[in-house]
Amino acid sequence: MGIVDDLAELPQFASVDRSQLETLAKHAVELDVPAGVELTHEGRHEGSVFIVVSGSIGIERGGRTVDTIGRGGFFGEIAAIDGGPRTATGFALEDTVVVAISPRQLNDVLDESSELRAMMMAAMEERLGRIDAEG
């Protein structure tokens, strides 16, 4: 199976048109991430947005775990959308498979897909609300 099929199987992406998923996946790479490996680093200006295909990611802010992202969730999108530094560190809690997408690729697709934009914005707002409530 390819990246498009993996994304299409995730409930969060079920309503997204397949052509949009193909655009999203065009320059994406699927990564096997061993437990403990950090993918994002709080405060750094760095690249990709990650979608969790399997496994789970811990989200740390200020050295404290504030969230867990499982299958179908994504992280790294805040820095990609606003161009600022990472707001948190994301690390694999277990052996995890993610799809890595460049910020430019994500923004190009969000400009074309109102369904994907609405889904990502709603999930981002919900996560920020959860994290801020804990902080």
N, C-alpha and C. Protein backbone atom coordinates (compact mmCIF):
# COMPACT_ATOMS: atom_id res chain seq x y z
N MET A 1 0.84 -1.20 0.00
CA MET A 1 0.00 0.00 0.00
C MET A 1 0.88 1.24 0.00
N GLY A 2 0.35 2.30 -0.58
CA GLY A 2 1.10 3.54 -0.64
C GLY A 2 0.59 4.55 0.37
N ILE A 3 1.19 5.71 0.33
CA ILE A 3 0.84 6.78 1.27
C ILE A 3 -0.62 7.19 1.09
N VAL A 4 -1.09 7.33 -0.15
CA VAL A 4 -2.48 7.74 -0.39
C VAL A 4 -3.44 6.75 0.23
N ASP A 5 -3.20 5.46 0.04
CA ASP A 5 -4.06 4.43 0.63
C ASP A 5 -4.02 4.49 2.15
N ASP A 6 -2.81 4.67 2.71
CA ASP A 6 -2.69 4.76 4.17
C ASP A 6 -3.50 5.94 4.71
N LEU A 7 -3.40 7.09 4.05
CA LEU A 7 -4.15 8.27 4.49
C LEU A 7 -5.65 8.06 4.32
N ALA A 8 -6.06 7.47 3.20
CA ALA A 8 -7.48 7.26 2.92
C ALA A 8 -8.13 6.35 3.95
N GLU A 9 -7.37 5.48 4.58
CA GLU A 9 -7.92 4.56 5.58
C GLU A 9 -8.11 5.22 6.95
N LEU A 10 -7.55 6.40 7.14
CA LEU A 10 -7.66 7.08 8.43
C LEU A 10 -9.00 7.82 8.49
N PRO A 11 -9.76 7.63 9.58
CA PRO A 11 -11.09 8.26 9.68
C PRO A 11 -11.06 9.77 9.46
N GLN A 12 -10.01 10.45 9.95
CA GLN A 12 -9.94 11.90 9.83
C GLN A 12 -9.86 12.36 8.37
N PHE A 13 -9.38 11.49 7.48
CA PHE A 13 -9.20 11.86 6.09
C PHE A 13 -10.26 11.25 5.17
N ALA A 14 -11.26 10.57 5.75
CA ALA A 14 -12.27 9.87 4.95
C ALA A 14 -13.05 10.81 4.04
N SER A 15 -13.30 12.04 4.47
CA SER A 15 -14.11 12.95 3.66
C SER A 15 -13.28 13.76 2.67
N VAL A 16 -11.96 13.57 2.69
CA VAL A 16 -11.09 14.33 1.80
C VAL A 16 -11.03 13.63 0.44
N ASP A 17 -11.23 14.38 -0.61
CA ASP A 17 -11.21 13.85 -1.97
C ASP A 17 -9.87 13.16 -2.25
N ARG A 18 -9.95 12.03 -2.96
CA ARG A 18 -8.72 11.26 -3.23
C ARG A 18 -7.69 12.09 -4.00
N SER A 19 -8.13 12.96 -4.89
CA SER A 19 -7.17 13.78 -5.64
C SER A 19 -6.41 14.72 -4.69
N GLN A 20 -7.08 15.18 -3.63
CA GLN A 20 -6.41 16.02 -2.64
C GLN A 20 -5.39 15.20 -1.85
N LEU A 21 -5.75 13.96 -1.52
CA LEU A 21 -4.80 13.09 -0.83
C LEU A 21 -3.60 12.80 -1.72
N GLU A 22 -3.83 12.64 -3.01
CA GLU A 22 -2.72 12.40 -3.94
C GLU A 22 -1.80 13.61 -4.00
N THR A 23 -2.38 14.81 -3.99
CA THR A 23 -1.56 16.03 -3.97
C THR A 23 -0.77 16.11 -2.67
N LEU A 24 -1.45 15.82 -1.57
CA LEU A 24 -0.80 15.85 -0.26
C LEU A 24 0.36 14.86 -0.20
N ALA A 25 0.17 13.70 -0.80
CA ALA A 25 1.16 12.62 -0.72
C ALA A 25 2.28 12.74 -1.76
N LYS A 26 2.12 13.62 -2.73
CA LYS A 26 3.06 13.67 -3.85
C LYS A 26 4.52 13.78 -3.40
N HIS A 27 4.81 14.63 -2.45
CA HIS A 27 6.18 14.80 -1.98
C HIS A 27 6.36 14.29 -0.54
N ALA A 28 5.39 13.54 -0.07
CA ALA A 28 5.45 13.02 1.29
C ALA A 28 6.30 11.75 1.34
N VAL A 29 6.80 11.46 2.53
CA VAL A 29 7.52 10.21 2.75
C VAL A 29 6.95 9.53 3.99
N GLU A 30 6.93 8.21 3.94
CA GLU A 30 6.48 7.44 5.09
C GLU A 30 7.72 7.01 5.87
N LEU A 31 7.68 7.23 7.17
CA LEU A 31 8.84 6.94 8.02
C LEU A 31 8.48 5.95 9.12
N ASP A 32 9.38 4.99 9.35
CA ASP A 32 9.27 4.12 10.52
C ASP A 32 10.08 4.78 11.62
N VAL A 33 9.44 5.10 12.73
CA VAL A 33 10.08 5.83 13.81
C VAL A 33 10.16 4.94 15.05
N PRO A 34 11.38 4.57 15.45
CA PRO A 34 11.51 3.74 16.65
C PRO A 34 11.08 4.49 17.91
N ALA A 35 10.61 3.75 18.91
CA ALA A 35 10.22 4.35 20.19
C ALA A 35 11.34 5.23 20.72
N GLY A 36 10.95 6.40 21.23
CA GLY A 36 11.90 7.32 21.85
C GLY A 36 12.48 8.37 20.91
N VAL A 37 12.34 8.20 19.62
CA VAL A 37 12.91 9.15 18.67
C VAL A 37 12.05 10.42 18.61
N GLU A 38 12.71 11.59 18.68
CA GLU A 38 12.02 12.87 18.59
C GLU A 38 11.90 13.29 17.13
N LEU A 39 10.72 13.74 16.75
CA LEU A 39 10.47 14.21 15.38
C LEU A 39 10.40 15.73 15.31
N THR A 40 9.93 16.37 16.36
CA THR A 40 9.91 17.83 16.42
C THR A 40 10.56 18.25 17.73
N HIS A 41 11.04 19.49 17.75
CA HIS A 41 11.77 19.99 18.91
C HIS A 41 11.26 21.37 19.27
N GLU A 42 10.70 21.50 20.46
CA GLU A 42 10.12 22.76 20.92
C GLU A 42 11.11 23.91 20.75
N GLY A 43 10.63 25.01 20.17
CA GLY A 43 11.44 26.21 20.01
C GLY A 43 12.25 26.28 18.73
N ARG A 44 12.39 25.17 18.03
CA ARG A 44 13.17 25.17 16.79
C ARG A 44 12.30 25.54 15.59
N HIS A 45 12.94 26.16 14.62
CA HIS A 45 12.30 26.39 13.32
C HIS A 45 12.70 25.20 12.46
N GLU A 46 11.76 24.31 12.23
CA GLU A 46 12.07 23.11 11.45
C GLU A 46 10.84 22.66 10.69
N GLY A 47 11.05 21.80 9.77
CA GLY A 47 10.19 21.40 8.68
C GLY A 47 8.88 20.71 8.87
N SER A 48 8.86 19.44 8.68
CA SER A 48 7.68 18.67 8.30
C SER A 48 6.51 18.70 9.26
N VAL A 49 5.36 18.40 8.67
CA VAL A 49 4.14 18.09 9.39
C VAL A 49 4.03 16.57 9.34
N PHE A 50 3.60 15.96 10.43
CA PHE A 50 3.56 14.50 10.51
C PHE A 50 2.13 14.02 10.75
N ILE A 51 1.73 12.96 10.03
CA ILE A 51 0.45 12.30 10.22
C ILE A 51 0.75 10.90 10.72
N VAL A 52 0.13 10.51 11.83
CA VAL A 52 0.39 9.20 12.44
C VAL A 52 -0.45 8.13 11.73
N VAL A 53 0.25 7.17 11.11
CA VAL A 53 -0.41 6.07 10.43
C VAL A 53 -0.65 4.92 11.41
N SER A 54 0.33 4.66 12.26
CA SER A 54 0.17 3.65 13.32
C SER A 54 1.12 4.01 14.46
N GLY A 55 0.80 3.53 15.64
CA GLY A 55 1.61 3.84 16.82
C GLY A 55 1.09 5.09 17.51
N SER A 56 1.96 5.73 18.30
CA SER A 56 1.53 6.94 19.01
C SER A 56 2.71 7.85 19.29
N ILE A 57 2.40 9.12 19.38
CA ILE A 57 3.37 10.18 19.58
C ILE A 57 3.03 10.92 20.87
N GLY A 58 4.04 11.16 21.70
CA GLY A 58 3.87 11.99 22.88
C GLY A 58 4.22 13.42 22.52
N ILE A 59 3.47 14.37 23.06
CA ILE A 59 3.73 15.78 22.83
C ILE A 59 4.16 16.39 24.16
N GLU A 60 5.35 16.97 24.14
CA GLU A 60 5.94 17.54 25.35
C GLU A 60 6.08 19.04 25.20
N ARG A 61 5.73 19.76 26.24
CA ARG A 61 5.92 21.20 26.27
C ARG A 61 6.59 21.54 27.59
N GLY A 62 7.72 22.22 27.51
CA GLY A 62 8.46 22.56 28.73
C GLY A 62 8.90 21.35 29.52
N GLY A 63 9.20 20.24 28.81
CA GLY A 63 9.66 19.03 29.47
C GLY A 63 8.56 18.18 30.08
N ARG A 64 7.30 18.56 29.87
CA ARG A 64 6.17 17.84 30.44
C ARG A 64 5.28 17.30 29.32
N THR A 65 4.91 16.03 29.39
CA THR A 65 4.02 15.46 28.37
C THR A 65 2.62 16.04 28.56
N VAL A 66 2.11 16.69 27.49
CA VAL A 66 0.83 17.37 27.58
C VAL A 66 -0.23 16.75 26.68
N ASP A 67 0.18 15.82 25.80
CA ASP A 67 -0.80 15.23 24.90
C ASP A 67 -0.22 13.96 24.28
N THR A 68 -1.09 13.12 23.77
CA THR A 68 -0.71 11.93 23.03
C THR A 68 -1.50 11.92 21.74
N ILE A 69 -0.80 11.64 20.64
CA ILE A 69 -1.45 11.63 19.33
C ILE A 69 -1.35 10.22 18.77
N GLY A 70 -2.51 9.65 18.44
CA GLY A 70 -2.55 8.29 17.91
C GLY A 70 -2.87 8.27 16.43
N ARG A 71 -3.23 7.09 15.97
CA ARG A 71 -3.52 6.84 14.55
C ARG A 71 -4.47 7.89 13.98
N GLY A 72 -4.07 8.48 12.87
CA GLY A 72 -4.90 9.47 12.19
C GLY A 72 -4.68 10.89 12.67
N GLY A 73 -4.01 11.05 13.81
CA GLY A 73 -3.72 12.39 14.30
C GLY A 73 -2.51 12.97 13.58
N PHE A 74 -2.28 14.24 13.78
CA PHE A 74 -1.15 14.89 13.14
C PHE A 74 -0.56 15.90 14.09
N PHE A 75 0.68 16.27 13.82
CA PHE A 75 1.36 17.27 14.64
C PHE A 75 2.41 17.96 13.79
N GLY A 76 2.84 19.13 14.26
CA GLY A 76 3.80 19.93 13.52
C GLY A 76 3.14 20.93 12.60
N GLU A 77 1.80 20.91 12.55
CA GLU A 77 1.09 21.78 11.62
C GLU A 77 1.07 23.23 12.06
N ILE A 78 1.17 23.49 13.36
CA ILE A 78 1.10 24.88 13.82
C ILE A 78 2.28 25.68 13.28
N ALA A 79 3.48 25.15 13.43
CA ALA A 79 4.67 25.84 12.90
C ALA A 79 4.61 25.94 11.39
N ALA A 80 4.05 24.92 10.73
CA ALA A 80 3.96 24.95 9.27
C ALA A 80 2.99 26.03 8.79
N ILE A 81 1.90 26.20 9.52
CA ILE A 81 0.89 27.17 9.11
C ILE A 81 1.30 28.59 9.47
N ASP A 82 1.86 28.79 10.68
CA ASP A 82 2.19 30.17 11.07
C ASP A 82 3.65 30.56 10.80
N GLY A 83 4.48 29.59 10.39
CA GLY A 83 5.87 29.90 10.06
C GLY A 83 6.75 30.16 11.27
N GLY A 84 6.22 29.94 12.46
CA GLY A 84 6.98 30.20 13.68
C GLY A 84 7.72 28.96 14.16
N PRO A 85 8.32 29.06 15.35
CA PRO A 85 9.03 27.91 15.90
C PRO A 85 8.06 26.83 16.39
N ARG A 86 8.58 25.64 16.59
CA ARG A 86 7.76 24.54 17.11
C ARG A 86 7.22 24.92 18.48
N THR A 87 5.96 24.60 18.72
CA THR A 87 5.34 24.90 20.01
C THR A 87 5.53 23.76 21.00
N ALA A 88 6.03 22.60 20.53
CA ALA A 88 6.20 21.44 21.39
C ALA A 88 7.16 20.44 20.75
N THR A 89 7.60 19.50 21.56
CA THR A 89 8.42 18.39 21.08
C THR A 89 7.52 17.18 20.89
N GLY A 90 7.67 16.50 19.75
CA GLY A 90 6.90 15.29 19.48
C GLY A 90 7.84 14.10 19.38
N PHE A 91 7.55 13.04 20.13
CA PHE A 91 8.42 11.86 20.14
C PHE A 91 7.58 10.59 20.11
N ALA A 92 8.16 9.54 19.53
CA ALA A 92 7.46 8.26 19.43
C ALA A 92 7.39 7.57 20.80
N LEU A 93 6.18 7.27 21.23
CA LEU A 93 5.99 6.54 22.49
C LEU A 93 6.20 5.05 22.30
N GLU A 94 6.08 4.60 21.07
CA GLU A 94 6.27 3.20 20.69
C GLU A 94 6.74 3.22 19.25
N ASP A 95 7.07 2.08 18.68
CA ASP A 95 7.43 2.06 17.27
C ASP A 95 6.22 2.59 16.49
N THR A 96 6.46 3.60 15.68
CA THR A 96 5.39 4.36 15.05
C THR A 96 5.69 4.56 13.57
N VAL A 97 4.64 4.62 12.76
CA VAL A 97 4.78 4.95 11.34
C VAL A 97 4.09 6.29 11.13
N VAL A 98 4.80 7.23 10.51
CA VAL A 98 4.24 8.54 10.20
C VAL A 98 4.44 8.87 8.73
N VAL A 99 3.60 9.76 8.23
CA VAL A 99 3.79 10.35 6.92
C VAL A 99 4.28 11.77 7.16
N ALA A 100 5.42 12.11 6.58
CA ALA A 100 6.00 13.45 6.72
C ALA A 100 5.68 14.26 5.47
N ILE A 101 5.13 15.46 5.68
CA ILE A 101 4.73 16.34 4.58
C ILE A 101 5.39 17.69 4.78
N SER A 102 5.89 18.27 3.71
CA SER A 102 6.53 19.58 3.83
C SER A 102 5.48 20.65 4.10
N PRO A 103 5.86 21.72 4.83
CA PRO A 103 4.91 22.81 5.09
C PRO A 103 4.33 23.40 3.79
N ARG A 104 5.16 23.55 2.78
CA ARG A 104 4.67 24.11 1.51
C ARG A 104 3.61 23.21 0.89
N GLN A 105 3.88 21.90 0.88
CA GLN A 105 2.92 20.94 0.33
C GLN A 105 1.60 21.00 1.11
N LEU A 106 1.69 21.05 2.43
CA LEU A 106 0.49 21.12 3.26
C LEU A 106 -0.30 22.39 2.93
N ASN A 107 0.37 23.52 2.91
CA ASN A 107 -0.32 24.78 2.66
C ASN A 107 -0.94 24.83 1.27
N ASP A 108 -0.26 24.26 0.26
CA ASP A 108 -0.83 24.20 -1.09
C ASP A 108 -2.14 23.41 -1.09
N VAL A 109 -2.15 22.28 -0.39
CA VAL A 109 -3.36 21.45 -0.34
C VAL A 109 -4.45 22.14 0.47
N LEU A 110 -4.08 22.77 1.59
CA LEU A 110 -5.09 23.46 2.40
C LEU A 110 -5.75 24.58 1.62
N ASP A 111 -4.99 25.23 0.73
CA ASP A 111 -5.57 26.28 -0.12
C ASP A 111 -6.62 25.72 -1.07
N GLU A 112 -6.48 24.45 -1.46
CA GLU A 112 -7.38 23.83 -2.43
C GLU A 112 -8.51 23.03 -1.80
N SER A 113 -8.33 22.58 -0.56
CA SER A 113 -9.29 21.66 0.04
C SER A 113 -9.92 22.25 1.30
N SER A 114 -11.15 22.74 1.16
CA SER A 114 -11.82 23.31 2.33
C SER A 114 -12.12 22.22 3.37
N GLU A 115 -12.36 20.96 2.91
CA GLU A 115 -12.64 19.87 3.85
C GLU A 115 -11.42 19.59 4.72
N LEU A 116 -10.26 19.50 4.07
CA LEU A 116 -9.04 19.22 4.82
C LEU A 116 -8.69 20.39 5.75
N ARG A 117 -8.84 21.60 5.26
CA ARG A 117 -8.56 22.78 6.10
C ARG A 117 -9.46 22.78 7.33
N ALA A 118 -10.76 22.55 7.14
CA ALA A 118 -11.71 22.55 8.26
C ALA A 118 -11.36 21.46 9.27
N MET A 119 -11.03 20.26 8.78
CA MET A 119 -10.69 19.16 9.67
C MET A 119 -9.43 19.48 10.47
N MET A 120 -8.39 20.00 9.79
CA MET A 120 -7.13 20.28 10.48
C MET A 120 -7.29 21.42 11.48
N MET A 121 -8.01 22.46 11.11
CA MET A 121 -8.20 23.59 12.01
C MET A 121 -8.99 23.17 13.25
N ALA A 122 -10.04 22.37 13.07
CA ALA A 122 -10.84 21.92 14.20
C ALA A 122 -10.00 21.06 15.15
N ALA A 123 -9.20 20.15 14.58
CA ALA A 123 -8.36 19.29 15.41
C ALA A 123 -7.29 20.11 16.13
N MET A 124 -6.72 21.10 15.43
CA MET A 124 -5.69 21.94 16.03
C MET A 124 -6.26 22.76 17.18
N GLU A 125 -7.44 23.35 16.98
CA GLU A 125 -8.07 24.14 18.04
C GLU A 125 -8.40 23.27 19.25
N GLU A 126 -8.90 22.06 18.98
CA GLU A 126 -9.25 21.15 20.08
C GLU A 126 -8.01 20.78 20.88
N ARG A 127 -6.90 20.47 20.17
CA ARG A 127 -5.66 20.10 20.84
C ARG A 127 -5.09 21.26 21.64
N LEU A 128 -5.08 22.45 21.05
CA LEU A 128 -4.55 23.62 21.76
C LEU A 128 -5.38 23.90 23.02
N GLY A 129 -6.70 23.75 22.92
CA GLY A 129 -7.55 23.93 24.08
C GLY A 129 -7.22 22.94 25.19
N ARG A 130 -6.98 21.68 24.81
CA ARG A 130 -6.61 20.64 25.78
C ARG A 130 -5.27 20.95 26.43
N ILE A 131 -4.28 21.32 25.60
CA ILE A 131 -2.94 21.58 26.12
C ILE A 131 -2.95 22.81 27.02
N ASP A 132 -3.63 23.88 26.59
CA ASP A 132 -3.69 25.10 27.39
C ASP A 132 -4.41 24.88 28.70
N ALA A 133 -5.42 24.01 28.71
CA ALA A 133 -6.16 23.70 29.94
C ALA A 133 -5.25 23.02 30.95
N GLU A 134 -4.29 22.23 30.46
CA GLU A 134 -3.36 21.54 31.37
C GLU A 134 -2.26 22.45 31.86
N GLY A 135 -1.94 23.48 31.07
CA GLY A 135 -0.82 24.36 31.40
C GLY A 135 -1.23 25.36 32.42
